[in-house]
Amino acid sequence: MIRQLNFNGNPFIGIFSFTNNNITIVREDVGARAEVLKETLGTEVIPTTIASTDLAGIYVAGNDNGIILPYVIEDEEFQLIERLGYNKCILETKETAVGNLILSNNKGAILSPILSDEKEVIEDALGVETVVSTIGNHNYVGSVARANNTGCLVHKEAKEDDITLIKDLLKVDLRMTTLNRGVSYIGACLAVNDKGAIVGESTTGIEISYIEDIMGV
């Protein structure tokens, strides 16, 4: 199932939410949209701030095994996530936008070179093989692509080596595309798991068809 939403007129769903196959962490003012998220993604919906902001998609990364968080997370926010029972990793790096720096599913993870020193702890938390790489010369690998366990959508500047790495490591089908009517930063536009996808309201019918075909939702 694929649904289109916005948050107070903002179609960049991916910056406000993190999802795996069990939970969706989303900005506090989600309101009635929480039911749409629950129905579409098939998860528990957890409205909260992360690092005292609404930007869960920027400050959280992970998969069904573990959750990666920045050091700026507040104690109350961390306690809320801790009760969920995942492997947890708080990165001490000054680069706090970990959601923009990690592309992951339950089979593998690509880490930005910015996180190369954190590779071992991230790998332990996520429980998958990790590789440090850019995508299309972009360090922010989590912002230029989004994956579930079936497929991956990626920025149109991805190179042949990037495509091969994503396919082999994450074990997915792949398509280069845009969302939100021509936006190449896929991670900012999309929340997706193996059961469904939420995408910005400005996303075109053709772009939605790529989500459906490649990600199997």
Protein backbone atom coordinates (compact mmCIF):
# COMPACT_ATOMS: atom_id res chain seq x y z
CA MET A 1 0.00 0.00 0.00
CA ILE A 2 1.23 3.47 -0.87
CA ARG A 3 -0.28 6.66 0.53
CA GLN A 4 0.49 10.30 -0.09
CA LEU A 5 0.70 12.76 2.81
CA ASN A 6 2.14 16.07 3.87
CA PHE A 7 2.99 17.55 7.25
CA ASN A 8 1.43 20.99 7.50
CA GLY A 9 1.85 21.41 3.77
CA ASN A 10 5.39 20.03 3.68
CA PRO A 11 5.69 17.00 1.33
CA PHE A 12 9.11 15.90 2.62
CA ILE A 13 7.78 12.96 4.59
CA GLY A 14 11.17 11.33 4.94
CA ILE A 15 12.72 14.08 7.04
CA PHE A 16 9.96 13.84 9.65
CA SER A 17 9.80 10.04 10.09
CA PHE A 18 11.82 6.88 10.53
CA THR A 19 10.27 3.46 9.98
CA ASN A 20 11.20 -0.20 10.00
CA ASN A 21 8.80 -3.16 9.89
CA ASN A 22 7.65 -2.71 13.48
CA ILE A 23 7.76 0.95 14.50
CA THR A 24 7.40 4.39 12.96
CA ILE A 25 8.99 7.28 14.83
CA VAL A 26 7.39 10.52 13.71
CA ARG A 27 7.05 14.17 14.68
CA GLU A 28 4.85 14.88 17.69
CA ASP A 29 2.15 16.82 15.86
CA VAL A 30 1.29 13.90 13.57
CA GLY A 31 -2.34 14.03 14.75
CA ALA A 32 -4.88 12.10 12.68
CA ARG A 33 -2.15 11.18 10.21
CA ALA A 34 -0.96 8.62 12.76
CA GLU A 35 -3.79 6.30 11.70
CA VAL A 36 -2.75 6.60 8.06
CA LEU A 37 0.83 5.72 9.00
CA LYS A 38 -0.29 2.77 11.12
CA GLU A 39 -2.59 1.41 8.43
CA THR A 40 -0.15 1.90 5.55
CA LEU A 41 3.10 0.83 7.21
CA GLY A 42 1.59 -1.74 9.57
CA THR A 43 3.58 -0.50 12.56
CA GLU A 44 3.28 0.99 16.00
CA VAL A 45 3.40 4.78 15.60
CA ILE A 46 5.55 6.68 18.09
CA PRO A 47 5.11 10.47 18.05
CA THR A 48 8.15 12.16 19.61
CA THR A 49 10.83 14.74 19.14
CA ILE A 50 14.37 13.64 18.39
CA ALA A 51 17.15 15.96 19.55
CA SER A 52 14.33 18.36 20.49
CA THR A 53 13.29 18.65 16.83
CA ASP A 54 10.58 17.25 14.56
CA LEU A 55 13.22 15.73 12.25
CA ALA A 56 13.15 12.02 13.14
CA GLY A 57 14.12 11.04 9.60
CA ILE A 58 17.29 13.09 9.77
CA TYR A 59 18.35 12.07 13.29
CA VAL A 60 17.46 8.33 13.29
CA ALA A 61 18.71 5.42 11.19
CA GLY A 62 18.37 1.67 11.52
CA ASN A 63 16.67 -1.56 10.54
CA ASP A 64 14.65 -4.29 12.27
CA ASN A 65 17.64 -5.15 14.46
CA GLY A 66 18.94 -1.83 15.69
CA ILE A 67 18.48 1.91 15.98
CA ILE A 68 21.28 4.44 15.45
CA LEU A 69 20.98 7.80 17.22
CA PRO A 70 23.04 11.01 17.57
CA TYR A 71 24.67 12.13 20.79
CA VAL A 72 22.33 15.14 20.94
CA ILE A 73 19.31 12.94 21.69
CA GLU A 74 17.57 13.97 24.93
CA ASP A 75 17.34 11.54 27.87
CA GLU A 76 13.55 11.39 27.72
CA GLU A 77 13.62 10.67 23.98
CA PHE A 78 16.21 7.94 24.46
CA GLN A 79 14.19 6.29 27.22
CA LEU A 80 11.17 6.17 24.91
CA ILE A 81 13.21 4.37 22.25
CA GLU A 82 15.02 2.17 24.77
CA ARG A 83 11.77 0.54 25.88
CA LEU A 84 11.29 -0.80 22.33
CA GLY A 85 14.03 -3.38 22.91
CA TYR A 86 16.24 -2.77 19.86
CA ASN A 87 20.02 -2.80 19.77
CA LYS A 88 20.88 0.85 20.28
CA CYS A 89 23.91 2.86 19.30
CA ILE A 90 24.47 6.51 20.19
CA LEU A 91 27.17 7.96 17.95
CA GLU A 92 29.55 10.45 19.53
CA THR A 93 30.53 11.97 16.19
CA LYS A 94 29.87 15.69 15.73
CA GLU A 95 27.89 14.82 12.58
CA THR A 96 24.46 14.31 14.13
CA ALA A 97 22.26 13.81 11.04
CA VAL A 98 22.75 10.03 11.12
CA GLY A 99 19.59 9.37 9.10
CA ASN A 100 21.22 11.19 6.20
CA LEU A 101 24.47 9.25 6.60
CA ILE A 102 23.26 5.63 6.59
CA LEU A 103 21.40 3.59 3.95
CA SER A 104 20.31 0.27 5.43
CA ASN A 105 17.93 -2.65 5.37
CA ASN A 106 17.97 -6.04 7.11
CA LYS A 107 20.65 -7.37 4.76
CA GLY A 108 23.31 -4.67 4.73
CA ALA A 109 24.18 -1.02 5.25
CA ILE A 110 26.14 1.63 3.40
CA LEU A 111 27.77 4.24 5.63
CA SER A 112 28.94 7.68 4.62
CA PRO A 113 32.72 8.16 4.79
CA ILE A 114 31.86 10.69 7.51
CA LEU A 115 31.04 7.69 9.75
CA SER A 116 34.03 5.53 8.86
CA ASP A 117 35.35 5.63 12.44
CA GLU A 118 31.94 4.40 13.69
CA LYS A 119 31.73 1.42 11.32
CA GLU A 120 32.23 -1.31 13.93
CA VAL A 121 29.66 -0.06 16.45
CA ILE A 122 27.09 0.57 13.71
CA GLU A 123 27.64 -2.89 12.25
CA ASP A 124 27.17 -4.46 15.70
CA ALA A 125 23.94 -2.54 16.32
CA LEU A 126 22.38 -3.25 12.92
CA GLY A 127 23.60 -6.86 12.77
CA VAL A 128 24.49 -6.65 9.07
CA GLU A 129 27.55 -6.24 6.88
CA THR A 130 28.43 -2.59 6.36
CA VAL A 131 30.49 -0.83 3.69
CA VAL A 132 31.77 2.74 3.73
CA SER A 133 31.01 4.50 0.44
CA THR A 134 29.55 7.55 -1.22
CA ILE A 135 26.65 7.33 -3.68
CA GLY A 136 27.07 9.45 -6.79
CA ASN A 137 29.88 11.28 -4.93
CA HIS A 138 27.37 12.30 -2.26
CA ASN A 139 28.45 11.73 1.34
CA TYR A 140 24.85 11.83 2.53
CA VAL A 141 23.99 8.33 1.37
CA GLY A 142 20.81 8.17 3.46
CA SER A 143 19.41 11.28 1.82
CA VAL A 144 20.00 10.22 -1.80
CA ALA A 145 18.49 6.73 -1.50
CA ARG A 146 15.92 4.71 0.44
CA ALA A 147 15.65 0.92 0.69
CA ASN A 148 13.45 -1.80 2.11
CA ASN A 149 14.26 -5.51 1.89
CA THR A 150 13.01 -5.77 -1.71
CA GLY A 151 14.13 -2.66 -3.52
CA CYS A 152 15.99 0.63 -3.46
CA LEU A 153 15.28 3.96 -5.10
CA VAL A 154 18.33 6.13 -5.64
CA HIS A 155 19.42 9.55 -6.88
CA LYS A 156 19.92 9.84 -10.65
CA GLU A 157 23.60 10.71 -10.13
CA ALA A 158 24.36 7.22 -8.81
CA LYS A 159 27.28 5.66 -10.67
CA GLU A 160 27.55 2.13 -12.01
CA ASP A 161 29.78 1.09 -9.11
CA ASP A 162 27.25 2.53 -6.65
CA ILE A 163 24.43 0.58 -8.25
CA THR A 164 26.42 -2.65 -8.14
CA LEU A 165 27.31 -2.08 -4.47
CA ILE A 166 23.69 -1.40 -3.45
CA LYS A 167 22.37 -4.41 -5.32
CA ASP A 168 25.04 -6.77 -3.96
CA LEU A 169 25.17 -5.53 -0.36
CA LEU A 170 21.48 -4.83 0.27
CA LYS A 171 20.37 -7.64 -2.07
CA VAL A 172 17.65 -5.58 -3.72
CA ASP A 173 16.34 -4.44 -7.09
CA LEU A 174 17.13 -0.81 -7.84
CA ARG A 175 15.93 2.12 -9.89
CA MET A 176 17.27 5.63 -10.29
CA THR A 177 14.38 8.07 -10.02
CA THR A 178 13.00 11.20 -8.41
CA LEU A 179 10.09 11.74 -6.01
CA ASN A 180 7.96 14.76 -5.05
CA ARG A 181 7.76 15.82 -8.70
CA GLY A 182 11.43 15.78 -9.61
CA VAL A 183 13.30 15.82 -6.29
CA SER A 184 16.40 13.61 -6.36
CA TYR A 185 16.85 13.39 -2.59
CA ILE A 186 14.83 10.21 -2.20
CA GLY A 187 15.37 9.86 1.54
CA ALA A 188 13.73 13.21 2.20
CA CYS A 189 10.60 12.25 0.28
CA LEU A 190 9.81 8.70 1.41
CA ALA A 191 9.12 6.50 4.43
CA VAL A 192 9.00 2.84 3.43
CA ASN A 193 9.18 -0.65 4.89
CA ASP A 194 8.27 -4.09 3.55
CA LYS A 195 4.53 -3.51 4.05
CA GLY A 196 3.92 -0.04 2.68
CA ALA A 197 5.15 3.41 1.77
CA ILE A 198 4.31 7.00 2.62
CA VAL A 199 5.37 9.61 0.08
CA GLY A 200 4.86 13.33 -0.35
CA GLU A 201 1.63 14.56 -1.90
CA SER A 202 3.45 16.20 -4.80
CA THR A 203 4.82 12.85 -6.00
CA THR A 204 3.59 12.03 -9.50
CA GLY A 205 1.80 8.89 -10.63
CA ILE A 206 4.85 7.70 -12.56
CA GLU A 207 7.11 8.20 -9.53
CA ILE A 208 4.63 6.27 -7.37
CA SER A 209 4.64 3.42 -9.88
CA TYR A 210 8.40 3.09 -9.42
CA ILE A 211 7.94 2.71 -5.65
CA GLU A 212 5.36 0.00 -6.26
CA ASP A 213 7.38 -1.86 -8.88
CA ILE A 214 10.80 -1.77 -7.23
CA MET A 215 9.89 -1.93 -3.55
CA GLY A 216 7.00 -4.38 -3.82
CA VAL A 217 4.52 -2.39 -1.73
